[in-house]
All heavy atoms as atom14 arrays in JSON, in Angstrom:
{
  "sequence": "VTKLPEYETLAAKVDLTKYHTQIVEDHFNKRIILYKDPNGRAQYKT",
  "atom14_mask": [
    [1, 1, 1, 1, 1, 1, 1, 0, 0, 0, 0, 0, 0, 0],
    [1, 1, 1, 1, 1, 1, 1, 0, 0, 0, 0, 0, 0, 0],
    [1, 1, 1, 1, 1, 1, 1, 1, 1, 0, 0, 0, 0, 0],
    [1, 1, 1, 1, 1, 1, 1, 1, 0, 0, 0, 0, 0, 0],
    [1, 1, 1, 1, 1, 1, 1, 0, 0, 0, 0, 0, 0, 0],
    [1, 1, 1, 1, 1, 1, 1, 1, 1, 0, 0, 0, 0, 0],
    [1, 1, 1, 1, 1, 1, 1, 1, 1, 1, 1, 1, 0, 0],
    [1, 1, 1, 1, 1, 1, 1, 1, 1, 0, 0, 0, 0, 0],
    [1, 1, 1, 1, 1, 1, 1, 0, 0, 0, 0, 0, 0, 0],
    [1, 1, 1, 1, 1, 1, 1, 1, 0, 0, 0, 0, 0, 0],
    [1, 1, 1, 1, 1, 0, 0, 0, 0, 0, 0, 0, 0, 0],
    [1, 1, 1, 1, 1, 0, 0, 0, 0, 0, 0, 0, 0, 0],
    [1, 1, 1, 1, 1, 1, 1, 1, 1, 0, 0, 0, 0, 0],
    [1, 1, 1, 1, 1, 1, 1, 0, 0, 0, 0, 0, 0, 0],
    [1, 1, 1, 1, 1, 1, 1, 1, 0, 0, 0, 0, 0, 0],
    [1, 1, 1, 1, 1, 1, 1, 1, 0, 0, 0, 0, 0, 0],
    [1, 1, 1, 1, 1, 1, 1, 0, 0, 0, 0, 0, 0, 0],
    [1, 1, 1, 1, 1, 1, 1, 1, 1, 0, 0, 0, 0, 0],
    [1, 1, 1, 1, 1, 1, 1, 1, 1, 1, 1, 1, 0, 0],
    [1, 1, 1, 1, 1, 1, 1, 1, 1, 1, 0, 0, 0, 0],
    [1, 1, 1, 1, 1, 1, 1, 0, 0, 0, 0, 0, 0, 0],
    [1, 1, 1, 1, 1, 1, 1, 1, 1, 0, 0, 0, 0, 0],
    [1, 1, 1, 1, 1, 1, 1, 1, 0, 0, 0, 0, 0, 0],
    [1, 1, 1, 1, 1, 1, 1, 0, 0, 0, 0, 0, 0, 0],
    [1, 1, 1, 1, 1, 1, 1, 1, 1, 0, 0, 0, 0, 0],
    [1, 1, 1, 1, 1, 1, 1, 1, 0, 0, 0, 0, 0, 0],
    [1, 1, 1, 1, 1, 1, 1, 1, 1, 1, 0, 0, 0, 0],
    [1, 1, 1, 1, 1, 1, 1, 1, 1, 1, 1, 0, 0, 0],
    [1, 1, 1, 1, 1, 1, 1, 1, 0, 0, 0, 0, 0, 0],
    [1, 1, 1, 1, 1, 1, 1, 1, 1, 0, 0, 0, 0, 0],
    [1, 1, 1, 1, 1, 1, 1, 1, 1, 1, 1, 0, 0, 0],
    [1, 1, 1, 1, 1, 1, 1, 1, 0, 0, 0, 0, 0, 0],
    [1, 1, 1, 1, 1, 1, 1, 1, 0, 0, 0, 0, 0, 0],
    [1, 1, 1, 1, 1, 1, 1, 1, 0, 0, 0, 0, 0, 0],
    [1, 1, 1, 1, 1, 1, 1, 1, 1, 1, 1, 1, 0, 0],
    [1, 1, 1, 1, 1, 1, 1, 1, 1, 0, 0, 0, 0, 0],
    [1, 1, 1, 1, 1, 1, 1, 1, 0, 0, 0, 0, 0, 0],
    [1, 1, 1, 1, 1, 1, 1, 0, 0, 0, 0, 0, 0, 0],
    [1, 1, 1, 1, 1, 1, 1, 1, 0, 0, 0, 0, 0, 0],
    [1, 1, 1, 1, 0, 0, 0, 0, 0, 0, 0, 0, 0, 0],
    [1, 1, 1, 1, 1, 1, 1, 1, 1, 1, 1, 0, 0, 0],
    [1, 1, 1, 1, 1, 0, 0, 0, 0, 0, 0, 0, 0, 0],
    [1, 1, 1, 1, 1, 1, 1, 1, 1, 0, 0, 0, 0, 0],
    [1, 1, 1, 1, 1, 1, 1, 1, 1, 1, 1, 1, 0, 0],
    [1, 1, 1, 1, 1, 1, 1, 1, 1, 0, 0, 0, 0, 0],
    [1, 1, 1, 1, 1, 1, 1, 0, 0, 0, 0, 0, 0, 0]
  ],
  "atom14_positions": [
    [[207.61, 234.56, 9.52], [207.07, 235.56, 10.43], [208.09, 236.64, 10.78], [207.71, 237.73, 11.21], [206.52, 234.91, 11.73], [205.28, 234.11, 11.44], [207.56, 234.1, 12.41], [0.0, 0.0, 0.0], [0.0, 0.0, 0.0], [0.0, 0.0, 0.0], [0.0, 0.0, 0.0], [0.0, 0.0, 0.0], [0.0, 0.0, 0.0], [0.0, 0.0, 0.0]],
    [[209.35, 236.38, 10.59], [210.36, 237.4, 10.89], [210.28, 238.57, 9.92], [210.79, 239.64, 10.21], [211.77, 236.81, 10.85], [212.03, 236.29, 9.55], [211.93, 235.71, 11.89], [0.0, 0.0, 0.0], [0.0, 0.0, 0.0], [0.0, 0.0, 0.0], [0.0, 0.0, 0.0], [0.0, 0.0, 0.0], [0.0, 0.0, 0.0], [0.0, 0.0, 0.0]],
    [[209.64, 238.38, 8.79], [209.52, 239.44, 7.8], [208.2, 240.22, 7.92], [207.97, 241.16, 7.18], [209.64, 238.87, 6.4], [210.96, 238.13, 6.18], [211.39, 238.19, 4.76], [212.59, 237.34, 4.5], [213.81, 237.74, 5.07], [0.0, 0.0, 0.0], [0.0, 0.0, 0.0], [0.0, 0.0, 0.0], [0.0, 0.0, 0.0], [0.0, 0.0, 0.0]],
    [[207.36, 239.83, 8.86], [206.09, 240.53, 9.06], [206.32, 241.86, 9.79], [207.23, 241.96, 10.62], [205.12, 239.66, 9.86], [204.73, 238.34, 9.2], [203.85, 237.52, 10.12], [204.01, 238.59, 7.89], [0.0, 0.0, 0.0], [0.0, 0.0, 0.0], [0.0, 0.0, 0.0], [0.0, 0.0, 0.0], [0.0, 0.0, 0.0], [0.0, 0.0, 0.0]],
    [[205.52, 242.86, 9.51], [205.74, 244.18, 10.12], [205.61, 244.2, 11.64], [206.25, 245.01, 12.3], [204.69, 245.08, 9.48], [203.79, 244.21, 8.7], [204.41, 242.87, 8.57], [0.0, 0.0, 0.0], [0.0, 0.0, 0.0], [0.0, 0.0, 0.0], [0.0, 0.0, 0.0], [0.0, 0.0, 0.0], [0.0, 0.0, 0.0], [0.0, 0.0, 0.0]],
    [[204.82, 243.34, 12.22], [204.63, 243.35, 13.67], [205.73, 242.59, 14.42], [205.79, 242.62, 15.64], [203.26, 242.79, 14.04], [203.07, 241.32, 13.76], [202.41, 241.01, 12.44], [202.63, 241.76, 11.46], [201.68, 240.02, 12.36], [0.0, 0.0, 0.0], [0.0, 0.0, 0.0], [0.0, 0.0, 0.0], [0.0, 0.0, 0.0], [0.0, 0.0, 0.0]],
    [[206.61, 241.92, 13.69], [207.63, 241.07, 14.33], [208.58, 241.87, 15.22], [208.9, 241.45, 16.32], [208.41, 240.3, 13.27], [209.4, 239.33, 13.87], [208.98, 238.1, 14.35], [210.74, 239.66, 14.0], [209.87, 237.21, 14.93], [211.65, 238.79, 14.57], [211.21, 237.56, 15.03], [212.09, 236.7, 15.62], [0.0, 0.0, 0.0], [0.0, 0.0, 0.0]],
    [[209.04, 243.02, 14.76], [210.0, 243.81, 15.54], [209.42, 244.24, 16.88], [210.09, 244.17, 17.91], [210.44, 245.04, 14.75], [211.39, 244.72, 13.63], [211.87, 245.98, 12.93], [211.93, 247.04, 13.58], [212.16, 245.89, 11.74], [0.0, 0.0, 0.0], [0.0, 0.0, 0.0], [0.0, 0.0, 0.0], [0.0, 0.0, 0.0], [0.0, 0.0, 0.0]],
    [[208.18, 244.68, 16.87], [207.52, 245.11, 18.1], [207.4, 243.95, 19.08], [207.68, 244.08, 20.27], [206.12, 245.67, 17.8], [206.25, 246.71, 16.84], [205.46, 246.2, 19.04], [0.0, 0.0, 0.0], [0.0, 0.0, 0.0], [0.0, 0.0, 0.0], [0.0, 0.0, 0.0], [0.0, 0.0, 0.0], [0.0, 0.0, 0.0], [0.0, 0.0, 0.0]],
    [[207.0, 242.8, 18.57], [206.84, 241.63, 19.43], [208.17, 241.11, 19.93], [208.3, 240.75, 21.11], [206.1, 240.53, 18.66], [205.79, 239.28, 19.44], [204.86, 239.58, 20.6], [205.18, 238.24, 18.55], [0.0, 0.0, 0.0], [0.0, 0.0, 0.0], [0.0, 0.0, 0.0], [0.0, 0.0, 0.0], [0.0, 0.0, 0.0], [0.0, 0.0, 0.0]],
    [[209.18, 241.09, 19.08], [210.5, 240.59, 19.47], [211.12, 241.44, 20.56], [211.9, 240.95, 21.39], [211.41, 240.52, 18.26], [0.0, 0.0, 0.0], [0.0, 0.0, 0.0], [0.0, 0.0, 0.0], [0.0, 0.0, 0.0], [0.0, 0.0, 0.0], [0.0, 0.0, 0.0], [0.0, 0.0, 0.0], [0.0, 0.0, 0.0], [0.0, 0.0, 0.0]],
    [[210.78, 242.72, 20.62], [211.29, 243.59, 21.67], [210.67, 243.26, 23.02], [211.27, 243.52, 24.07], [211.01, 245.06, 21.31], [0.0, 0.0, 0.0], [0.0, 0.0, 0.0], [0.0, 0.0, 0.0], [0.0, 0.0, 0.0], [0.0, 0.0, 0.0], [0.0, 0.0, 0.0], [0.0, 0.0, 0.0], [0.0, 0.0, 0.0], [0.0, 0.0, 0.0]],
    [[209.49, 242.68, 23.04], [208.77, 242.39, 24.29], [208.88, 240.93, 24.73], [208.82, 240.63, 25.9], [207.28, 242.71, 24.11], [206.99, 244.09, 23.61], [206.75, 245.03, 24.73], [206.4, 246.4, 24.16], [206.51, 247.43, 25.13], [0.0, 0.0, 0.0], [0.0, 0.0, 0.0], [0.0, 0.0, 0.0], [0.0, 0.0, 0.0], [0.0, 0.0, 0.0]],
    [[209.03, 240.01, 23.75], [208.98, 238.57, 24.05], [210.16, 237.87, 23.39], [210.54, 238.2, 22.27], [207.65, 237.97, 23.51], [207.58, 236.48, 23.77], [206.45, 238.68, 24.1], [0.0, 0.0, 0.0], [0.0, 0.0, 0.0], [0.0, 0.0, 0.0], [0.0, 0.0, 0.0], [0.0, 0.0, 0.0], [0.0, 0.0, 0.0], [0.0, 0.0, 0.0]],
    [[210.74, 236.89, 24.09], [211.81, 236.07, 23.51], [211.16, 235.03, 22.6], [210.68, 233.99, 23.05], [212.62, 235.39, 24.6], [213.74, 234.55, 24.04], [214.08, 234.71, 22.84], [214.27, 233.71, 24.79], [0.0, 0.0, 0.0], [0.0, 0.0, 0.0], [0.0, 0.0, 0.0], [0.0, 0.0, 0.0], [0.0, 0.0, 0.0], [0.0, 0.0, 0.0]],
    [[211.14, 235.28, 21.31], [210.41, 234.46, 20.36], [211.15, 233.17, 19.98], [210.57, 232.32, 19.32], [210.08, 235.26, 19.11], [209.13, 236.43, 19.35], [208.93, 237.22, 18.07], [207.8, 235.94, 19.87], [0.0, 0.0, 0.0], [0.0, 0.0, 0.0], [0.0, 0.0, 0.0], [0.0, 0.0, 0.0], [0.0, 0.0, 0.0], [0.0, 0.0, 0.0]],
    [[212.39, 233.02, 20.39], [213.12, 231.79, 20.06], [212.55, 230.58, 20.8], [212.79, 229.45, 20.42], [214.61, 231.94, 20.4], [214.75, 232.21, 21.79], [215.25, 233.05, 19.58], [0.0, 0.0, 0.0], [0.0, 0.0, 0.0], [0.0, 0.0, 0.0], [0.0, 0.0, 0.0], [0.0, 0.0, 0.0], [0.0, 0.0, 0.0], [0.0, 0.0, 0.0]],
    [[211.77, 230.82, 21.86], [211.2, 229.73, 22.66], [209.88, 229.22, 22.11], [209.38, 228.22, 22.6], [210.95, 230.22, 24.09], [212.16, 230.65, 24.83], [211.76, 231.13, 26.21], [212.95, 231.67, 26.97], [212.54, 232.19, 28.29], [0.0, 0.0, 0.0], [0.0, 0.0, 0.0], [0.0, 0.0, 0.0], [0.0, 0.0, 0.0], [0.0, 0.0, 0.0]],
    [[209.31, 229.9, 21.12], [207.94, 229.6, 20.72], [207.83, 229.23, 19.24], [208.6, 229.69, 18.41], [207.04, 230.8, 21.0], [207.06, 231.21, 22.45], [207.71, 232.37, 22.85], [206.46, 230.43, 23.42], [207.75, 232.74, 24.17], [206.5, 230.79, 24.76], [207.14, 231.95, 25.12], [207.18, 232.31, 26.44], [0.0, 0.0, 0.0], [0.0, 0.0, 0.0]],
    [[206.85, 228.4, 18.97], [206.47, 228.01, 17.61], [205.28, 228.86, 17.21], [204.36, 229.05, 18.0], [206.12, 226.52, 17.58], [205.51, 226.08, 16.29], [206.24, 225.97, 15.13], [204.25, 225.74, 15.97], [205.44, 225.58, 14.15], [204.22, 225.43, 14.65], [0.0, 0.0, 0.0], [0.0, 0.0, 0.0], [0.0, 0.0, 0.0], [0.0, 0.0, 0.0]],
    [[205.27, 229.38, 16.0], [204.17, 230.25, 15.58], [203.11, 229.49, 14.8], [203.4, 228.54, 14.08], [204.69, 231.39, 14.68], [205.31, 230.83, 13.54], [205.66, 232.27, 15.41], [0.0, 0.0, 0.0], [0.0, 0.0, 0.0], [0.0, 0.0, 0.0], [0.0, 0.0, 0.0], [0.0, 0.0, 0.0], [0.0, 0.0, 0.0], [0.0, 0.0, 0.0]],
    [[201.87, 229.93, 14.97], [200.74, 229.4, 14.21], [199.87, 230.58, 13.81], [199.33, 231.27, 14.67], [199.93, 228.42, 15.04], [198.72, 227.91, 14.28], [197.79, 227.08, 15.15], [198.05, 226.86, 16.32], [196.71, 226.63, 14.57], [0.0, 0.0, 0.0], [0.0, 0.0, 0.0], [0.0, 0.0, 0.0], [0.0, 0.0, 0.0], [0.0, 0.0, 0.0]],
    [[199.77, 230.82, 12.52], [198.91, 231.89, 12.03], [197.48, 231.36, 12.03], [197.16, 230.42, 11.32], [199.33, 232.35, 10.63], [200.75, 232.9, 10.68], [198.35, 233.39, 10.1], [201.33, 233.26, 9.37], [0.0, 0.0, 0.0], [0.0, 0.0, 0.0], [0.0, 0.0, 0.0], [0.0, 0.0, 0.0], [0.0, 0.0, 0.0], [0.0, 0.0, 0.0]],
    [[196.65, 231.98, 12.87], [195.28, 231.54, 13.03], [194.39, 232.18, 11.98], [193.51, 231.53, 11.41], [194.76, 231.89, 14.44], [193.31, 231.5, 14.61], [195.63, 231.24, 15.49], [0.0, 0.0, 0.0], [0.0, 0.0, 0.0], [0.0, 0.0, 0.0], [0.0, 0.0, 0.0], [0.0, 0.0, 0.0], [0.0, 0.0, 0.0], [0.0, 0.0, 0.0]],
    [[194.63, 233.45, 11.71], [193.77, 234.2, 10.8], [194.62, 235.27, 10.12], [195.42, 235.93, 10.77], [192.66, 234.86, 11.63], [191.63, 235.6, 10.86], [190.55, 236.12, 11.8], [190.07, 235.38, 12.68], [190.2, 237.3, 11.64], [0.0, 0.0, 0.0], [0.0, 0.0, 0.0], [0.0, 0.0, 0.0], [0.0, 0.0, 0.0], [0.0, 0.0, 0.0]],
    [[194.45, 235.41, 8.83], [195.16, 236.45, 8.09], [194.24, 236.95, 6.98], [194.13, 236.35, 5.93], [196.47, 235.93, 7.51], [197.36, 237.04, 6.99], [196.97, 238.22, 7.1], [198.44, 236.73, 6.48], [0.0, 0.0, 0.0], [0.0, 0.0, 0.0], [0.0, 0.0, 0.0], [0.0, 0.0, 0.0], [0.0, 0.0, 0.0], [0.0, 0.0, 0.0]],
    [[193.57, 238.06, 7.27], [192.65, 238.66, 6.32], [193.22, 239.97, 5.83], [194.32, 240.37, 6.22], [191.28, 238.9, 6.98], [190.59, 237.65, 7.4], [190.16, 236.7, 6.52], [190.27, 237.17, 8.63], [189.59, 235.71, 7.16], [189.66, 235.96, 8.45], [0.0, 0.0, 0.0], [0.0, 0.0, 0.0], [0.0, 0.0, 0.0], [0.0, 0.0, 0.0]],
    [[192.47, 240.66, 5.0], [192.95, 241.91, 4.44], [193.1, 242.99, 5.51], [193.87, 243.92, 5.34], [192.04, 242.39, 3.31], [190.68, 242.84, 3.77], [190.43, 244.16, 4.06], [189.66, 241.92, 3.93], [189.18, 244.57, 4.48], [188.41, 242.32, 4.35], [188.17, 243.65, 4.64], [0.0, 0.0, 0.0], [0.0, 0.0, 0.0], [0.0, 0.0, 0.0]],
    [[192.41, 242.88, 6.63], [192.48, 243.94, 7.63], [193.16, 243.54, 8.94], [193.57, 244.4, 9.7], [191.08, 244.49, 7.94], [190.16, 243.42, 8.48], [190.42, 242.23, 8.36], [189.07, 243.84, 9.08], [0.0, 0.0, 0.0], [0.0, 0.0, 0.0], [0.0, 0.0, 0.0], [0.0, 0.0, 0.0], [0.0, 0.0, 0.0], [0.0, 0.0, 0.0]],
    [[193.28, 242.25, 9.24], [193.94, 241.85, 10.48], [194.6, 240.48, 10.35], [194.25, 239.68, 9.5], [192.96, 241.85, 11.65], [191.96, 240.72, 11.64], [191.09, 240.79, 12.89], [190.01, 239.75, 12.81], [189.14, 239.79, 13.98], [0.0, 0.0, 0.0], [0.0, 0.0, 0.0], [0.0, 0.0, 0.0], [0.0, 0.0, 0.0], [0.0, 0.0, 0.0]],
    [[195.59, 240.27, 11.26], [196.29, 238.99, 11.31], [196.38, 238.58, 12.78], [196.74, 239.4, 13.64], [197.69, 239.12, 10.72], [198.5, 237.88, 10.77], [199.86, 237.95, 10.07], [200.46, 239.25, 9.96], [200.59, 239.91, 8.79], [200.14, 239.39, 7.67], [201.15, 241.1, 8.74], [0.0, 0.0, 0.0], [0.0, 0.0, 0.0], [0.0, 0.0, 0.0]],
    [[196.06, 237.33, 13.07], [196.14, 236.81, 14.43], [197.13, 235.64, 14.42], [197.01, 234.72, 13.62], [194.76, 236.32, 14.93], [193.79, 237.5, 14.97], [194.9, 235.68, 16.3], [192.38, 237.12, 15.33], [0.0, 0.0, 0.0], [0.0, 0.0, 0.0], [0.0, 0.0, 0.0], [0.0, 0.0, 0.0], [0.0, 0.0, 0.0], [0.0, 0.0, 0.0]],
    [[198.11, 235.72, 15.32], [199.14, 234.69, 15.41], [199.21, 234.19, 16.85], [199.2, 235.0, 17.79], [200.52, 235.23, 14.99], [200.47, 235.78, 13.57], [201.58, 234.14, 15.09], [201.76, 236.42, 13.11], [0.0, 0.0, 0.0], [0.0, 0.0, 0.0], [0.0, 0.0, 0.0], [0.0, 0.0, 0.0], [0.0, 0.0, 0.0], [0.0, 0.0, 0.0]],
    [[199.3, 232.87, 17.01], [199.52, 232.25, 18.32], [200.98, 231.85, 18.42], [201.57, 231.37, 17.46], [198.65, 231.01, 18.5], [197.16, 231.22, 18.68], [196.46, 229.87, 18.75], [196.86, 232.04, 19.9], [0.0, 0.0, 0.0], [0.0, 0.0, 0.0], [0.0, 0.0, 0.0], [0.0, 0.0, 0.0], [0.0, 0.0, 0.0], [0.0, 0.0, 0.0]],
    [[201.55, 232.03, 19.6], [202.92, 231.61, 19.88], [202.84, 230.51, 20.93], [202.43, 230.75, 22.06], [203.76, 232.79, 20.34], [203.91, 233.82, 19.25], [202.97, 234.83, 19.07], [204.96, 233.74, 18.36], [203.1, 235.75, 18.04], [205.1, 234.66, 17.32], [204.16, 235.66, 17.17], [204.29, 236.55, 16.15], [0.0, 0.0, 0.0], [0.0, 0.0, 0.0]],
    [[203.23, 229.28, 20.54], [203.08, 228.12, 21.4], [204.42, 227.65, 21.94], [205.44, 227.72, 21.24], [202.43, 226.98, 20.61], [201.03, 227.3, 20.15], [200.41, 226.13, 19.43], [198.98, 226.44, 19.05], [198.33, 225.27, 18.43], [0.0, 0.0, 0.0], [0.0, 0.0, 0.0], [0.0, 0.0, 0.0], [0.0, 0.0, 0.0], [0.0, 0.0, 0.0]],
    [[204.39, 227.15, 23.17], [205.6, 226.6, 23.79], [205.86, 225.19, 23.24], [205.04, 224.66, 22.48], [205.48, 226.61, 25.31], [204.36, 225.73, 25.84], [203.81, 224.91, 25.09], [204.03, 225.86, 27.03], [0.0, 0.0, 0.0], [0.0, 0.0, 0.0], [0.0, 0.0, 0.0], [0.0, 0.0, 0.0], [0.0, 0.0, 0.0], [0.0, 0.0, 0.0]],
    [[206.98, 224.56, 23.6], [207.28, 223.21, 23.08], [206.22, 222.16, 23.42], [206.11, 221.15, 22.75], [208.62, 222.87, 23.72], [209.25, 224.18, 23.99], [208.12, 225.11, 24.33], [0.0, 0.0, 0.0], [0.0, 0.0, 0.0], [0.0, 0.0, 0.0], [0.0, 0.0, 0.0], [0.0, 0.0, 0.0], [0.0, 0.0, 0.0], [0.0, 0.0, 0.0]],
    [[205.43, 222.39, 24.47], [204.36, 221.46, 24.84], [203.09, 221.66, 24.01], [202.13, 220.92, 24.18], [204.02, 221.6, 26.32], [205.18, 221.23, 27.2], [205.98, 220.37, 26.85], [205.31, 221.89, 28.34], [0.0, 0.0, 0.0], [0.0, 0.0, 0.0], [0.0, 0.0, 0.0], [0.0, 0.0, 0.0], [0.0, 0.0, 0.0], [0.0, 0.0, 0.0]],
    [[203.08, 222.68, 23.15], [201.93, 222.93, 22.29], [200.88, 223.85, 22.9], [199.84, 224.06, 22.32], [0.0, 0.0, 0.0], [0.0, 0.0, 0.0], [0.0, 0.0, 0.0], [0.0, 0.0, 0.0], [0.0, 0.0, 0.0], [0.0, 0.0, 0.0], [0.0, 0.0, 0.0], [0.0, 0.0, 0.0], [0.0, 0.0, 0.0], [0.0, 0.0, 0.0]],
    [[201.16, 224.4, 24.08], [200.21, 225.32, 24.71], [200.49, 226.75, 24.27], [201.65, 227.19, 24.28], [200.3, 225.23, 26.23], [199.65, 223.95, 26.76], [199.73, 223.88, 28.25], [200.93, 223.07, 28.51], [201.71, 223.21, 29.56], [201.45, 224.1, 30.46], [202.76, 222.44, 29.71], [0.0, 0.0, 0.0], [0.0, 0.0, 0.0], [0.0, 0.0, 0.0]],
    [[199.45, 227.46, 23.91], [199.6, 228.84, 23.47], [199.99, 229.72, 24.66], [199.36, 229.66, 25.71], [198.31, 229.34, 22.84], [0.0, 0.0, 0.0], [0.0, 0.0, 0.0], [0.0, 0.0, 0.0], [0.0, 0.0, 0.0], [0.0, 0.0, 0.0], [0.0, 0.0, 0.0], [0.0, 0.0, 0.0], [0.0, 0.0, 0.0], [0.0, 0.0, 0.0]],
    [[201.04, 230.5, 24.5], [201.51, 231.38, 25.56], [201.23, 232.86, 25.25], [200.97, 233.64, 26.15], [203.02, 231.2, 25.79], [203.38, 229.81, 26.25], [202.79, 229.46, 27.59], [202.75, 230.29, 28.49], [202.31, 228.24, 27.73], [0.0, 0.0, 0.0], [0.0, 0.0, 0.0], [0.0, 0.0, 0.0], [0.0, 0.0, 0.0], [0.0, 0.0, 0.0]],
    [[201.3, 233.2, 23.96], [201.04, 234.57, 23.53], [200.14, 234.55, 22.3], [200.15, 233.6, 21.52], [202.33, 235.31, 23.17], [203.2, 235.62, 24.36], [204.2, 234.77, 24.76], [202.99, 236.79, 25.09], [204.99, 235.05, 25.86], [203.77, 237.09, 26.19], [204.77, 236.21, 26.56], [205.54, 236.5, 27.65], [0.0, 0.0, 0.0], [0.0, 0.0, 0.0]],
    [[199.42, 235.64, 22.14], [198.57, 235.83, 20.97], [198.76, 237.27, 20.53], [198.76, 238.19, 21.36], [197.11, 235.59, 21.35], [196.12, 235.85, 20.25], [194.71, 235.57, 20.79], [193.66, 235.78, 19.74], [192.32, 235.45, 20.25], [0.0, 0.0, 0.0], [0.0, 0.0, 0.0], [0.0, 0.0, 0.0], [0.0, 0.0, 0.0], [0.0, 0.0, 0.0]],
    [[198.99, 237.46, 19.24], [199.09, 238.82, 18.72], [197.96, 239.08, 17.74], [197.58, 238.21, 16.97], [200.44, 239.07, 18.01], [200.57, 238.16, 16.93], [201.6, 238.93, 18.96], [0.0, 0.0, 0.0], [0.0, 0.0, 0.0], [0.0, 0.0, 0.0], [0.0, 0.0, 0.0], [0.0, 0.0, 0.0], [0.0, 0.0, 0.0], [0.0, 0.0, 0.0]]
  ]
}
């Protein structure tokens, strides 16, 4: 995920070292990613 184009924008707003990523959807026109805390609860969605 660090190589994805949206990573820089998100990293500037959120400390991503605290979260585990889960790509929920990745189609030709959009990508949805959940960022979960160590307890497995989603904290952010892009």
